[in-house]
Amino acid sequence: MKPLKEFTIPFVGLKIGKHHFEYKVEKAFFEHFEYEDFKDVDINVNVELEKKTTLLELHFEISGWVNVNCDLTNEPYNQKIKDTFDLVVKFGEEYNDENIDILIVPHGTYEINIQQYIYELIILAVPAKRIHPGVKDGTLDSDILKKLEELSPRLEKNKEKEEEIDPRWNTLKNLLTDK
């Protein structure tokens, strides 16, 4: 996959200290990754890069929303997301990204591309179970929700069925308690 230039930080010319970078992530970013679960995206990404003599520390903060479908009703809604991530970039003999929060790049590297870290941070910030806020507070008017409620088991009906059980089975239940 070809890296997006806007997410490449050339750190070789930066002074030692903290530097701030801001990015606006939209649907086109996810199309680059061929990820199609989001209908629309509006996320602000703030990256603070602290350059030290022997390493780089990156602190990512994301906030915004992604438009996804509800898992219960399949209705689209805007899921708010907010998350942070810290990454340490060290210099070594060869490239190594096996550790989650430590990236080792070869000596002589003069820039770092952070698009993969932003992508993963956003994907992992979205809850595994996506439920429309209207389902939780009861304000969503959906045909699917009405049908789910209609087909859901009723506790009262179950109690009536228990009472209608053949009395001969009750004798068998006593065998379990008479031990």
C-alpha atoms as a PDB file:
ATOM      1  CA  MET A   1       0.000   0.000   0.000  1.00  0.00           C
ATOM      2  CA  LYS A   2       1.336   3.382  -0.993  1.00  0.00           C
ATOM      3  CA  PRO A   3       1.764   5.709   1.997  1.00  0.00           C
ATOM      4  CA  LEU A   4      -0.219   8.945   2.072  1.00  0.00           C
ATOM      5  CA  LYS A   5       2.179  11.902   2.012  1.00  0.00           C
ATOM      6  CA  GLU A   6       0.170  14.031   4.409  1.00  0.00           C
ATOM      7  CA  PHE A   7       0.742  11.475   7.198  1.00  0.00           C
ATOM      8  CA  THR A   8       4.519  11.405   6.730  1.00  0.00           C
ATOM      9  CA  ILE A   9       6.465  13.392   9.332  1.00  0.00           C
ATOM     10  CA  PRO A  10      10.028  14.361   8.339  1.00  0.00           C
ATOM     11  CA  PHE A  11      11.583  14.504  11.809  1.00  0.00           C
ATOM     12  CA  VAL A  12      15.226  14.986  10.768  1.00  0.00           C
ATOM     13  CA  GLY A  13      14.899  18.788  10.497  1.00  0.00           C
ATOM     14  CA  LEU A  14      12.951  19.254  13.718  1.00  0.00           C
ATOM     15  CA  LYS A  15      14.550  20.680  16.843  1.00  0.00           C
ATOM     16  CA  ILE A  16      14.719  18.676  20.044  1.00  0.00           C
ATOM     17  CA  GLY A  17      11.458  19.232  21.926  1.00  0.00           C
ATOM     18  CA  LYS A  18       7.722  18.956  21.358  1.00  0.00           C
ATOM     19  CA  HIS A  19       6.031  19.454  17.996  1.00  0.00           C
ATOM     20  CA  HIS A  20       2.289  19.352  17.239  1.00  0.00           C
ATOM     21  CA  PHE A  21       0.592  17.994  14.134  1.00  0.00           C
ATOM     22  CA  GLU A  22      -3.132  18.066  13.351  1.00  0.00           C
ATOM     23  CA  TYR A  23      -4.982  15.938  10.843  1.00  0.00           C
ATOM     24  CA  LYS A  24      -8.580  15.756   9.640  1.00  0.00           C
ATOM     25  CA  VAL A  25      -9.593  12.183   8.780  1.00  0.00           C
ATOM     26  CA  GLU A  26     -12.518  11.667   6.424  1.00  0.00           C
ATOM     27  CA  LYS A  27     -14.031   8.813   4.420  1.00  0.00           C
ATOM     28  CA  ALA A  28     -11.343   9.019   1.684  1.00  0.00           C
ATOM     29  CA  PHE A  29      -8.739   7.938   4.264  1.00  0.00           C
ATOM     30  CA  PHE A  30     -10.573   4.645   4.839  1.00  0.00           C
ATOM     31  CA  GLU A  31     -11.147   4.144   1.108  1.00  0.00           C
ATOM     32  CA  HIS A  32      -7.349   4.148   0.795  1.00  0.00           C
ATOM     33  CA  PHE A  33      -7.296   1.177   3.205  1.00  0.00           C
ATOM     34  CA  GLU A  34     -10.289  -0.405   1.394  1.00  0.00           C
ATOM     35  CA  TYR A  35     -12.284  -0.359   4.645  1.00  0.00           C
ATOM     36  CA  GLU A  36     -15.996   0.068   3.947  1.00  0.00           C
ATOM     37  CA  ASP A  37     -17.741  -0.302   7.335  1.00  0.00           C
ATOM     38  CA  PHE A  38     -18.054   3.462   7.824  1.00  0.00           C
ATOM     39  CA  LYS A  39     -20.669   5.413   5.851  1.00  0.00           C
ATOM     40  CA  ASP A  40     -19.107   8.758   6.780  1.00  0.00           C
ATOM     41  CA  VAL A  41     -16.249   9.890   8.995  1.00  0.00           C
ATOM     42  CA  ASP A  42     -15.292  13.115  10.754  1.00  0.00           C
ATOM     43  CA  ILE A  43     -12.331  12.671  13.080  1.00  0.00           C
ATOM     44  CA  ASN A  44      -9.731  15.093  14.359  1.00  0.00           C
ATOM     45  CA  VAL A  45      -6.304  13.628  15.061  1.00  0.00           C
ATOM     46  CA  ASN A  46      -3.772  15.474  17.207  1.00  0.00           C
ATOM     47  CA  VAL A  47      -0.249  14.115  17.278  1.00  0.00           C
ATOM     48  CA  GLU A  48       2.373  15.408  19.660  1.00  0.00           C
ATOM     49  CA  LEU A  49       5.873  14.394  18.649  1.00  0.00           C
ATOM     50  CA  GLU A  50       8.568  14.837  21.263  1.00  0.00           C
ATOM     51  CA  LYS A  51      11.987  14.591  19.697  1.00  0.00           C
ATOM     52  CA  LYS A  52      14.757  13.481  22.020  1.00  0.00           C
ATOM     53  CA  THR A  53      18.415  12.819  21.248  1.00  0.00           C
ATOM     54  CA  THR A  54      18.077   9.037  20.863  1.00  0.00           C
ATOM     55  CA  LEU A  55      14.353   8.457  20.252  1.00  0.00           C
ATOM     56  CA  LEU A  56      10.986   9.938  19.342  1.00  0.00           C
ATOM     57  CA  GLU A  57       7.836   9.836  21.457  1.00  0.00           C
ATOM     58  CA  LEU A  58       4.500  10.182  19.707  1.00  0.00           C
ATOM     59  CA  HIS A  59       1.226  10.797  21.524  1.00  0.00           C
ATOM     60  CA  PHE A  60      -1.932  10.358  19.403  1.00  0.00           C
ATOM     61  CA  GLU A  61      -5.357  11.731  20.387  1.00  0.00           C
ATOM     62  CA  ILE A  62      -8.443  11.156  18.272  1.00  0.00           C
ATOM     63  CA  SER A  63     -11.940  12.534  18.689  1.00  0.00           C
ATOM     64  CA  GLY A  64     -14.948  12.735  16.425  1.00  0.00           C
ATOM     65  CA  TRP A  65     -17.538  10.382  14.988  1.00  0.00           C
ATOM     66  CA  VAL A  66     -17.987   7.603  12.467  1.00  0.00           C
ATOM     67  CA  ASN A  67     -21.299   6.817  10.804  1.00  0.00           C
ATOM     68  CA  VAL A  68     -22.050   3.098  11.220  1.00  0.00           C
ATOM     69  CA  ASN A  69     -25.105   0.848  11.185  1.00  0.00           C
ATOM     70  CA  CYS A  70     -26.666  -0.272  14.452  1.00  0.00           C
ATOM     71  CA  ASP A  71     -26.199  -3.982  15.166  1.00  0.00           C
ATOM     72  CA  LEU A  72     -29.823  -4.347  16.334  1.00  0.00           C
ATOM     73  CA  THR A  73     -31.820  -2.228  13.899  1.00  0.00           C
ATOM     74  CA  ASN A  74     -29.374  -1.697  11.020  1.00  0.00           C
ATOM     75  CA  GLU A  75     -30.189   2.028  11.229  1.00  0.00           C
ATOM     76  CA  PRO A  76     -27.233   4.345  10.470  1.00  0.00           C
ATOM     77  CA  TYR A  77     -26.081   6.642  13.269  1.00  0.00           C
ATOM     78  CA  ASN A  78     -23.030   8.677  14.280  1.00  0.00           C
ATOM     79  CA  GLN A  79     -20.915   6.781  16.828  1.00  0.00           C
ATOM     80  CA  LYS A  80     -18.775   9.172  18.850  1.00  0.00           C
ATOM     81  CA  ILE A  81     -15.235   7.990  19.439  1.00  0.00           C
ATOM     82  CA  LYS A  82     -12.353   9.258  21.506  1.00  0.00           C
ATOM     83  CA  ASP A  83      -9.057   7.508  22.222  1.00  0.00           C
ATOM     84  CA  THR A  84      -5.331   7.985  22.813  1.00  0.00           C
ATOM     85  CA  PHE A  85      -2.206   6.024  21.964  1.00  0.00           C
ATOM     86  CA  ASP A  86       1.504   6.408  22.748  1.00  0.00           C
ATOM     87  CA  LEU A  87       4.271   5.228  20.431  1.00  0.00           C
ATOM     88  CA  VAL A  88       8.018   5.218  21.002  1.00  0.00           C
ATOM     89  CA  VAL A  89      10.255   5.266  17.925  1.00  0.00           C
ATOM     90  CA  LYS A  90      13.778   3.980  18.461  1.00  0.00           C
ATOM     91  CA  PHE A  91      16.675   3.622  16.062  1.00  0.00           C
ATOM     92  CA  GLY A  92      18.281   0.230  15.449  1.00  0.00           C
ATOM     93  CA  GLU A  93      19.855  -2.047  12.869  1.00  0.00           C
ATOM     94  CA  GLU A  94      16.666  -2.962  11.030  1.00  0.00           C
ATOM     95  CA  TYR A  95      12.949  -2.115  10.876  1.00  0.00           C
ATOM     96  CA  ASN A  96      10.913  -3.869  13.594  1.00  0.00           C
ATOM     97  CA  ASP A  97       7.259  -3.242  14.476  1.00  0.00           C
ATOM     98  CA  GLU A  98       6.579  -6.450  16.419  1.00  0.00           C
ATOM     99  CA  ASN A  99       5.916  -4.611  19.680  1.00  0.00           C
ATOM    100  CA  ILE A 100       2.613  -2.714  19.847  1.00  0.00           C
ATOM    101  CA  ASP A 101       3.902   0.568  21.211  1.00  0.00           C
ATOM    102  CA  ILE A 102       7.573   0.476  20.158  1.00  0.00           C
ATOM    103  CA  LEU A 103       8.721   0.977  16.573  1.00  0.00           C
ATOM    104  CA  ILE A 104      12.346   0.407  15.650  1.00  0.00           C
ATOM    105  CA  VAL A 105      13.525   2.081  12.439  1.00  0.00           C
ATOM    106  CA  PRO A 106      16.959   1.748  10.817  1.00  0.00           C
ATOM    107  CA  HIS A 107      19.650   4.358  11.538  1.00  0.00           C
ATOM    108  CA  GLY A 108      19.553   7.044   8.869  1.00  0.00           C
ATOM    109  CA  THR A 109      15.755   7.122   8.656  1.00  0.00           C
ATOM    110  CA  TYR A 110      14.656  10.735   8.295  1.00  0.00           C
ATOM    111  CA  GLU A 111      10.857  10.445   8.249  1.00  0.00           C
ATOM    112  CA  ILE A 112       8.062   8.319   9.692  1.00  0.00           C
ATOM    113  CA  ASN A 113       4.624   7.583   8.258  1.00  0.00           C
ATOM    114  CA  ILE A 114       1.892   7.376  10.900  1.00  0.00           C
ATOM    115  CA  GLN A 115      -1.153   6.526   8.759  1.00  0.00           C
ATOM    116  CA  GLN A 116      -1.285   2.876   9.886  1.00  0.00           C
ATOM    117  CA  TYR A 117      -1.273   3.877  13.567  1.00  0.00           C
ATOM    118  CA  ILE A 118      -4.083   6.396  13.015  1.00  0.00           C
ATOM    119  CA  TYR A 119      -6.104   3.827  11.065  1.00  0.00           C
ATOM    120  CA  GLU A 120      -5.758   1.160  13.761  1.00  0.00           C
ATOM    121  CA  LEU A 121      -6.476   3.627  16.567  1.00  0.00           C
ATOM    122  CA  ILE A 122      -9.746   4.692  14.942  1.00  0.00           C
ATOM    123  CA  ILE A 123     -10.863   1.136  14.139  1.00  0.00           C
ATOM    124  CA  LEU A 124     -10.157  -0.036  17.689  1.00  0.00           C
ATOM    125  CA  ALA A 125     -11.927   2.987  19.219  1.00  0.00           C
ATOM    126  CA  VAL A 126     -15.255   1.937  17.697  1.00  0.00           C
ATOM    127  CA  PRO A 127     -17.169  -0.328  20.121  1.00  0.00           C
ATOM    128  CA  ALA A 128     -17.517  -3.989  19.192  1.00  0.00           C
ATOM    129  CA  LYS A 129     -21.294  -3.833  19.719  1.00  0.00           C
ATOM    130  CA  ARG A 130     -22.764  -0.807  17.974  1.00  0.00           C
ATOM    131  CA  ILE A 131     -26.119   0.225  19.399  1.00  0.00           C
ATOM    132  CA  HIS A 132     -28.025   3.276  18.224  1.00  0.00           C
ATOM    133  CA  PRO A 133     -28.489   5.788  21.090  1.00  0.00           C
ATOM    134  CA  GLY A 134     -32.214   5.861  20.287  1.00  0.00           C
ATOM    135  CA  VAL A 135     -32.478   2.165  21.156  1.00  0.00           C
ATOM    136  CA  LYS A 136     -31.031   2.752  24.619  1.00  0.00           C
ATOM    137  CA  ASP A 137     -33.280   5.691  25.527  1.00  0.00           C
ATOM    138  CA  GLY A 138     -36.352   4.431  23.625  1.00  0.00           C
ATOM    139  CA  THR A 139     -36.650   7.368  21.214  1.00  0.00           C
ATOM    140  CA  LEU A 140     -35.866   5.444  18.007  1.00  0.00           C
ATOM    141  CA  ASP A 141     -38.975   4.584  15.993  1.00  0.00           C
ATOM    142  CA  SER A 142     -38.002   1.606  13.870  1.00  0.00           C
ATOM    143  CA  ASP A 143     -39.987  -1.212  12.257  1.00  0.00           C
ATOM    144  CA  ILE A 144     -37.201  -3.642  13.103  1.00  0.00           C
ATOM    145  CA  LEU A 145     -37.313  -2.672  16.792  1.00  0.00           C
ATOM    146  CA  LYS A 146     -41.091  -3.164  16.872  1.00  0.00           C
ATOM    147  CA  LYS A 147     -40.744  -6.596  15.297  1.00  0.00           C
ATOM    148  CA  LEU A 148     -37.976  -7.579  17.750  1.00  0.00           C
ATOM    149  CA  GLU A 149     -40.173  -6.556  20.671  1.00  0.00           C
ATOM    150  CA  GLU A 150     -43.115  -8.435  19.224  1.00  0.00           C
ATOM    151  CA  LEU A 151     -41.070 -11.622  18.845  1.00  0.00           C
ATOM    152  CA  SER A 152     -39.253 -11.402  22.166  1.00  0.00           C
ATOM    153  CA  PRO A 153     -40.311 -13.913  24.843  1.00  0.00           C
ATOM    154  CA  ARG A 154     -42.634 -12.642  27.526  1.00  0.00           C
ATOM    155  CA  LEU A 155     -41.955 -13.568  31.141  1.00  0.00           C
ATOM    156  CA  GLU A 156     -45.650 -13.557  32.039  1.00  0.00           C
ATOM    157  CA  LYS A 157     -46.500 -16.089  29.328  1.00  0.00           C
ATOM    158  CA  ASN A 158     -43.695 -18.347  30.508  1.00  0.00           C
ATOM    159  CA  LYS A 159     -45.075 -18.321  34.064  1.00  0.00           C
ATOM    160  CA  GLU A 160     -48.519 -19.318  32.797  1.00  0.00           C
ATOM    161  CA  LYS A 161     -47.022 -22.190  30.819  1.00  0.00           C
ATOM    162  CA  GLU A 162     -45.211 -23.437  33.920  1.00  0.00           C
ATOM    163  CA  GLU A 163     -48.510 -23.529  35.801  1.00  0.00           C
ATOM    164  CA  GLU A 164     -50.161 -25.517  33.000  1.00  0.00           C
ATOM    165  CA  ILE A 165     -47.593 -28.336  33.205  1.00  0.00           C
ATOM    166  CA  ASP A 166     -48.972 -31.819  33.730  1.00  0.00           C
ATOM    167  CA  PRO A 167     -49.009 -32.522  37.522  1.00  0.00           C
ATOM    168  CA  ARG A 168     -47.339 -35.898  37.033  1.00  0.00           C
ATOM    169  CA  TRP A 169     -44.083 -34.078  36.197  1.00  0.00           C
ATOM    170  CA  ASN A 170     -44.127 -32.375  39.576  1.00  0.00           C
ATOM    171  CA  THR A 171     -43.635 -35.774  41.229  1.00  0.00           C
ATOM    172  CA  LEU A 172     -40.466 -36.215  39.221  1.00  0.00           C
ATOM    173  CA  LYS A 173     -39.254 -32.785  40.356  1.00  0.00           C
ATOM    174  CA  ASN A 174     -39.641 -33.954  43.959  1.00  0.00           C
ATOM    175  CA  LEU A 175     -37.187 -36.772  43.295  1.00  0.00           C
ATOM    176  CA  LEU A 176     -34.461 -34.146  42.730  1.00  0.00           C
ATOM    177  CA  THR A 177     -35.153 -32.446  46.052  1.00  0.00           C
ATOM    178  CA  ASP A 178     -35.746 -35.609  48.170  1.00  0.00           C
ATOM    179  CA  LYS A 179     -32.115 -36.755  48.154  1.00  0.00           C
END
